[in-house]
Protein backbone atom coordinates (compact mmCIF):
# COMPACT_ATOMS: atom_id res chain seq x y z
CA UNK A 1 90.58 103.16 99.38
CA UNK A 2 91.75 99.82 100.76
CA UNK A 3 88.29 98.38 100.13
CA UNK A 4 88.14 99.68 96.54
CA UNK A 5 91.53 98.18 95.71
CA UNK A 6 90.54 94.80 97.11
CA UNK A 7 87.16 94.90 95.33
CA UNK A 8 88.79 95.71 91.98
CA UNK A 9 91.33 92.94 92.50
CA UNK A 10 88.59 90.41 93.26
CA UNK A 11 86.86 91.40 90.00
CA UNK A 12 90.05 91.14 87.96
CA UNK A 13 90.95 87.74 89.41
CA UNK A 14 87.39 86.42 89.44
CA UNK A 15 87.47 85.55 93.16
CA UNK A 16 85.54 86.66 96.22
CA UNK A 17 86.55 89.80 98.10
CA UNK A 18 87.58 87.60 101.02
CA UNK A 19 89.82 85.46 98.80
CA UNK A 20 91.30 88.54 97.15
CA UNK A 21 92.20 89.95 100.55
CA UNK A 22 93.81 86.66 101.55
CA UNK A 23 95.78 86.46 98.30
CA UNK A 24 96.95 90.06 98.60
CA UNK A 25 98.22 89.33 102.12
CA UNK A 26 100.55 86.58 100.90
CA UNK A 27 104.05 86.43 102.40
CA UNK A 28 106.61 85.41 99.80
CA UNK A 29 109.71 83.25 99.99
CA UNK A 30 112.94 84.84 98.79
CA UNK A 31 114.21 83.63 95.43
CA UNK A 32 117.74 84.01 94.15
CA UNK A 33 119.06 83.39 90.65
CA UNK A 34 122.68 82.29 90.17
CA UNK A 35 124.41 84.34 87.50
CA UNK A 36 126.18 81.97 85.05
CA UNK A 37 128.26 84.88 83.72
CA UNK A 38 129.98 85.23 87.10
CA UNK A 39 129.38 81.96 88.94
CA UNK A 40 132.24 80.10 90.63
CA UNK A 41 132.43 76.37 91.37
CA UNK A 42 131.96 77.20 95.05
CA UNK A 43 128.92 79.50 94.64
CA UNK A 44 126.14 76.96 95.14
CA UNK A 45 128.01 75.14 97.93
CA UNK A 46 128.50 78.43 99.77
CA UNK A 47 124.81 79.25 99.43
CA UNK A 48 123.85 75.87 100.88
CA UNK A 49 126.08 76.55 103.87
CA UNK A 50 124.12 79.73 104.57
CA UNK A 51 120.68 78.27 103.80
CA UNK A 52 120.11 74.62 104.58
CA UNK A 53 116.56 74.86 103.20
CA UNK A 54 117.66 76.15 99.79
CA UNK A 55 115.35 74.58 97.19
CA UNK A 56 115.76 74.61 93.39
CA UNK A 57 112.93 76.15 91.40
CA UNK A 58 112.05 73.31 89.04
CA UNK A 59 110.87 75.39 86.07
CA UNK A 60 113.68 77.96 85.89
CA UNK A 61 117.39 77.33 85.52
CA UNK A 62 119.81 78.48 88.23
CA UNK A 63 116.99 79.63 90.54
CA UNK A 64 116.55 78.71 94.21
CA UNK A 65 114.02 79.62 96.87
CA UNK A 66 114.72 80.37 100.53
CA UNK A 67 111.77 79.89 102.86
CA UNK A 68 113.42 81.51 105.90
CA UNK A 69 111.82 84.99 106.28
CA UNK A 70 114.93 86.17 108.15
CA UNK A 71 117.20 85.47 105.17
CA UNK A 72 119.24 88.40 103.89
CA UNK A 73 121.08 87.17 100.79
CA UNK A 74 121.87 90.80 99.90
CA UNK A 75 124.48 90.65 102.69
CA UNK A 76 126.32 87.70 101.17
CA UNK A 77 129.64 88.09 99.29
CA UNK A 78 128.03 86.19 96.40
CA UNK A 79 125.47 88.95 96.01
CA UNK A 80 128.00 91.76 96.33
CA UNK A 81 130.23 90.08 93.74
CA UNK A 82 127.41 89.63 91.21
CA UNK A 83 127.33 85.83 91.46
CA UNK A 84 123.66 85.89 92.47
CA UNK A 85 120.73 88.27 92.18
CA UNK A 86 117.56 88.44 94.27
CA UNK A 87 114.56 88.20 91.96
CA UNK A 88 110.97 87.04 92.32
CA UNK A 89 110.23 84.18 89.87
CA UNK A 90 107.32 86.15 88.38
CA UNK A 91 109.89 88.39 86.70
CA UNK A 92 111.65 85.40 85.13
CA UNK A 93 108.67 84.78 82.87
CA UNK A 94 108.82 87.94 80.70
CA UNK A 95 112.38 87.00 79.73
CA UNK A 96 111.49 83.34 79.17
CA UNK A 97 108.59 84.48 76.96
CA UNK A 98 110.91 86.81 75.05
CA UNK A 99 112.89 83.69 74.01
CA UNK A 100 116.16 85.57 73.44
CA UNK A 101 118.59 84.01 70.98
CA UNK A 102 122.28 84.67 70.32
CA UNK A 103 123.02 87.35 67.71
CA UNK A 104 119.59 88.93 67.99
CA UNK A 105 119.31 92.70 68.30
CA UNK A 106 117.32 93.46 71.44
CA UNK A 107 116.31 96.38 73.63
CA UNK A 108 115.11 96.46 77.21
CA UNK A 109 113.20 99.75 77.08
CA UNK A 110 112.75 100.37 80.82
CA UNK A 111 115.68 98.30 82.00
CA UNK A 112 116.53 99.55 85.49
CA UNK A 113 117.18 98.07 87.99
CA UNK A 114 118.44 95.43 85.56
CA UNK A 115 117.46 91.98 86.86
CA UNK A 116 115.63 91.03 83.66
CA UNK A 117 118.43 92.47 81.53
CA UNK A 118 120.97 90.28 83.32
CA UNK A 119 118.68 87.29 82.73
CA UNK A 120 118.65 87.98 78.99
CA UNK A 121 122.45 88.14 78.98
CA UNK A 122 122.67 84.93 81.01
CA UNK A 123 120.35 82.96 78.72
CA UNK A 124 122.29 84.01 75.61
CA UNK A 125 125.73 83.81 77.26
CA UNK A 126 126.30 87.47 76.36
CA UNK A 127 125.94 86.66 72.65
CA UNK A 128 122.97 89.00 72.14
CA UNK A 129 123.26 92.59 70.89
CA UNK A 130 121.58 94.13 73.90
CA UNK A 131 120.61 97.77 74.39
CA UNK A 132 119.60 98.77 77.92
CA UNK A 133 117.56 101.96 78.17
CA UNK A 134 116.11 103.86 81.08
CA UNK A 135 114.95 107.42 81.68
CA UNK A 136 115.94 107.87 85.34
CA UNK A 137 119.55 109.01 85.78
CA UNK A 138 119.78 107.63 89.31
CA UNK A 139 118.38 104.22 88.36
CA UNK A 140 120.35 104.17 85.11
CA UNK A 141 123.78 104.53 86.71
CA UNK A 142 122.94 102.04 89.46
CA UNK A 143 121.86 99.57 86.77
CA UNK A 144 125.02 100.14 84.74
CA UNK A 145 127.18 99.46 87.79
CA UNK A 146 125.21 96.28 88.57
CA UNK A 147 125.51 95.02 84.99
CA UNK A 148 129.26 95.55 85.06
CA UNK A 149 129.48 93.67 88.37
CA UNK A 150 127.49 90.79 86.84
CA UNK A 151 129.67 90.70 83.68
CA UNK A 152 126.77 91.66 81.43
CA UNK A 153 127.82 92.99 78.02
CA UNK A 154 125.47 95.66 76.69
CA UNK A 155 125.14 99.10 75.19
CA UNK A 156 123.38 101.77 77.21
CA UNK A 157 120.89 104.52 76.50
CA UNK A 158 119.69 107.18 78.97
CA UNK A 159 116.52 108.35 77.24
CA UNK A 160 112.76 108.56 77.60
CA UNK A 161 111.51 105.32 76.08
CA UNK A 162 108.73 107.24 74.31
CA UNK A 163 111.33 108.92 72.08
CA UNK A 164 113.56 105.99 71.13
CA UNK A 165 112.36 106.09 67.52
CA UNK A 166 114.00 109.51 67.24
CA UNK A 167 117.33 107.69 67.52
CA UNK A 168 116.57 104.20 66.18
CA UNK A 169 114.76 103.41 62.95
CA UNK A 170 111.43 101.65 62.80
CA UNK A 171 111.63 97.84 62.45
CA UNK A 172 115.10 97.73 64.08
CA UNK A 173 114.92 95.16 66.88
CA UNK A 174 114.36 91.40 66.72
CA UNK A 175 113.04 91.36 70.28
CA UNK A 176 111.93 94.00 72.75
CA UNK A 177 111.21 93.81 76.46
CA UNK A 178 108.92 96.49 77.84
CA UNK A 179 108.56 95.94 81.56
CA UNK A 180 106.55 99.11 81.91
CA UNK A 181 106.48 101.56 84.83
CA UNK A 182 103.32 100.73 86.75
CA UNK A 183 101.42 101.25 89.97
CA UNK A 184 103.07 98.15 91.45
CA UNK A 185 99.93 96.77 93.02
CA UNK A 186 101.62 93.39 93.45
CA UNK A 187 103.90 94.95 96.05
CA UNK A 188 101.28 96.87 98.04
CA UNK A 189 100.92 96.12 101.73
CA UNK A 190 97.15 96.34 102.10
CA UNK A 191 97.49 96.96 105.84
CA UNK A 192 99.36 100.22 105.18
CA UNK A 193 97.96 101.64 101.94
CA UNK A 194 98.44 105.37 101.45
CA UNK A 195 99.54 106.04 97.88
CA UNK A 196 97.21 103.88 95.78
CA UNK A 197 94.68 105.78 93.67
CA UNK A 198 92.72 105.45 90.45
CA UNK A 199 94.28 108.73 89.32
CA UNK A 200 97.74 107.12 89.46
CA UNK A 201 96.50 104.15 87.44
CA UNK A 202 95.03 106.48 84.80
CA UNK A 203 98.23 108.53 84.56
CA UNK A 204 100.39 105.45 84.23
CA UNK A 205 98.13 103.81 81.65
CA UNK A 206 98.65 106.84 79.40
CA UNK A 207 102.41 106.43 79.74
CA UNK A 208 102.18 102.68 79.15
CA UNK A 209 100.17 103.17 75.96
CA UNK A 210 102.78 105.59 74.62
CA UNK A 211 105.65 103.27 75.48
CA UNK A 212 103.99 100.25 73.89
CA UNK A 213 103.20 102.13 70.69
CA UNK A 214 106.85 103.20 70.53
CA UNK A 215 108.06 99.65 71.14
CA UNK A 216 105.83 98.36 68.36
CA UNK A 217 107.31 100.88 65.93
CA UNK A 218 110.81 99.62 66.74
CA UNK A 219 109.93 95.93 66.42
CA UNK A 220 110.88 94.07 63.24
CA UNK A 221 108.14 92.19 61.35
CA UNK A 222 107.89 88.68 62.84
CA UNK A 223 109.73 89.99 65.92
CA UNK A 224 108.77 89.35 69.53
CA UNK A 225 107.71 92.07 71.98
CA UNK A 226 106.96 91.25 75.61
CA UNK A 227 104.92 93.72 77.63
CA UNK A 228 104.81 93.10 81.36
CA UNK A 229 103.86 94.79 84.63
CA UNK A 230 103.83 93.94 88.33
CA UNK A 231 100.38 95.40 88.75
CA UNK A 232 96.84 94.04 88.75
CA UNK A 233 94.80 96.91 87.28
CA UNK A 234 93.35 95.98 83.86
CA UNK A 235 93.74 99.64 82.80
CA UNK A 236 97.51 99.06 82.93
CA UNK A 237 97.40 95.60 81.41
CA UNK A 238 94.66 94.28 79.12
CA UNK A 239 93.34 97.72 78.15
CA UNK A 240 96.83 98.79 77.05
CA UNK A 241 97.09 95.69 74.86
CA UNK A 242 93.59 96.25 73.49
CA UNK A 243 94.52 99.80 72.51
CA UNK A 244 97.58 98.54 70.63
CA UNK A 245 95.44 96.05 68.71
CA UNK A 246 92.86 98.68 67.82
CA UNK A 247 95.46 101.11 66.46
CA UNK A 248 97.77 98.64 64.68
CA UNK A 249 96.36 96.19 62.16
CA UNK A 250 99.65 94.23 62.07
CA UNK A 251 99.78 93.64 65.83
CA UNK A 252 99.13 90.08 66.98
CA UNK A 253 99.02 88.50 70.44
CA UNK A 254 100.81 85.17 70.79
CA UNK A 255 99.81 82.49 73.27
CA UNK A 256 102.06 82.45 76.31
CA UNK A 257 103.51 79.21 77.61
CA UNK A 258 102.13 77.55 80.71
CA UNK A 259 104.09 77.44 83.97
CA UNK A 260 103.59 75.32 87.09
CA UNK A 261 102.22 78.17 89.16
CA UNK A 262 98.80 79.71 89.73
CA UNK A 263 97.68 81.75 86.72
CA UNK A 264 94.76 82.76 84.53
CA UNK A 265 94.31 84.09 80.98
CA UNK A 266 94.08 87.78 80.28
CA UNK A 267 90.56 89.10 80.88
CA UNK A 268 88.51 90.24 77.89
CA UNK A 269 85.91 92.38 79.65
CA UNK A 270 86.32 95.16 82.20
CA UNK A 271 83.84 97.78 83.42
CA UNK A 272 81.37 96.71 80.74
CA UNK A 273 83.96 97.24 78.01
CA UNK A 274 84.50 94.31 75.65
CA UNK A 275 88.15 93.76 74.71
CA UNK A 276 89.72 91.76 71.91
CA UNK A 277 89.28 88.03 72.38
CA UNK A 278 92.98 87.60 71.52
CA UNK A 279 93.85 89.07 74.91
CA UNK A 280 92.99 85.74 76.53
CA UNK A 281 96.37 84.63 75.10
CA UNK A 282 98.02 86.86 77.72
CA UNK A 283 99.02 85.57 81.14
CA UNK A 284 98.08 86.77 84.60
CA UNK A 285 100.13 85.27 87.41
CA UNK A 286 98.28 84.88 90.70
CA UNK A 287 100.04 85.07 94.08
CA UNK A 288 101.50 81.94 95.65
CA UNK A 289 104.05 81.46 98.39
CA UNK A 290 106.75 81.84 95.73
CA UNK A 291 105.35 83.94 92.88
CA UNK A 292 103.98 87.47 93.00
CA UNK A 293 101.15 88.76 90.76
CA UNK A 294 102.30 89.72 87.28
CA UNK A 295 100.93 90.38 83.80
CA UNK A 296 102.66 89.22 80.61
CA UNK A 297 101.67 89.76 76.97
CA UNK A 298 103.62 88.47 73.99
CA UNK A 299 103.17 90.60 70.88
CA UNK A 300 104.36 90.14 67.32
CA UNK A 301 104.29 92.35 64.26
CA UNK A 302 102.69 90.48 61.40
CA UNK A 303 104.55 90.81 58.10
CA UNK A 304 102.47 92.31 55.33
CA UNK A 305 101.69 90.38 52.17
CA UNK A 306 103.81 92.78 50.10
CA UNK A 307 107.06 91.77 51.84
CA UNK A 308 108.01 89.84 48.74
CA UNK A 309 108.21 86.42 50.36
CA UNK A 310 106.06 83.91 52.18
CA UNK A 311 106.87 85.14 55.69
CA UNK A 312 103.32 86.36 56.20
CA UNK A 313 101.79 82.99 55.38
CA UNK A 314 104.37 81.13 57.47
CA UNK A 315 103.81 83.28 60.54
CA UNK A 316 100.03 83.05 60.27
CA UNK A 317 100.25 79.27 59.96
CA UNK A 318 102.66 79.00 62.91
CA UNK A 319 100.76 81.11 65.41
CA UNK A 320 97.19 81.38 64.23
């Protein structure tokens, strides 16, 4: 099973089996993000007292890496008080790609444990109309407590994300984040694998397809929907996006931004199946000392020509 996982990863990343094994064995620095909704003047100075090797992450605001493997920032008062959060930089990118703006109506469909939700609130200075949804009661109430500690303003929904359109009308949200439940291959210790299986990937891909279809229903025309996972399996990533494109003529894939970390485009062929060429606009993050593997797709809903204005032509000109 270990060998199959490594072989599949080497195919997805286009590297040798030996390189895939080396990349999957990466040990990561700890990254913390200072919460501007709760920060004090003394927060950064206090952190530097604890960690002399604290280094700013150049491409993300308020983020710092700690290279000491013995570091335990979760024990600091700044963490307990909600002034900082521990978060791998890979998970910054879905929120940066969402490009949240004040006064937008947004939903984080699978929000717990809440790190990305707090990032959205931080970027918009709590000026966004943010709905945080999750289906797990345990995770939901932990998230709600964390958001309150971090001074995040939001509404909350404890509901299966696949049924949100029963409560909210189609074309409701300006922006949607779907950080989907996944097999979490980016976090697997390949020296102690015991739960990984193709059956799990297949089961989760069915769930991911349902969630993404639901998210697309809720997205406004010209809106922005970010789909992301912390897994490597194409069945949970590119194939989910390809299914959305095949079943929705108004779905479009936008080009992600580039970031100063190892990455590659989304793959357009897997197991002899040809996928939409637009999927190369997606982003696969590759492991580095700082960043874990991740997959990010940015989706829009193209306005139709009968909208009564020129929004369709403007969007097509802007993105395509």
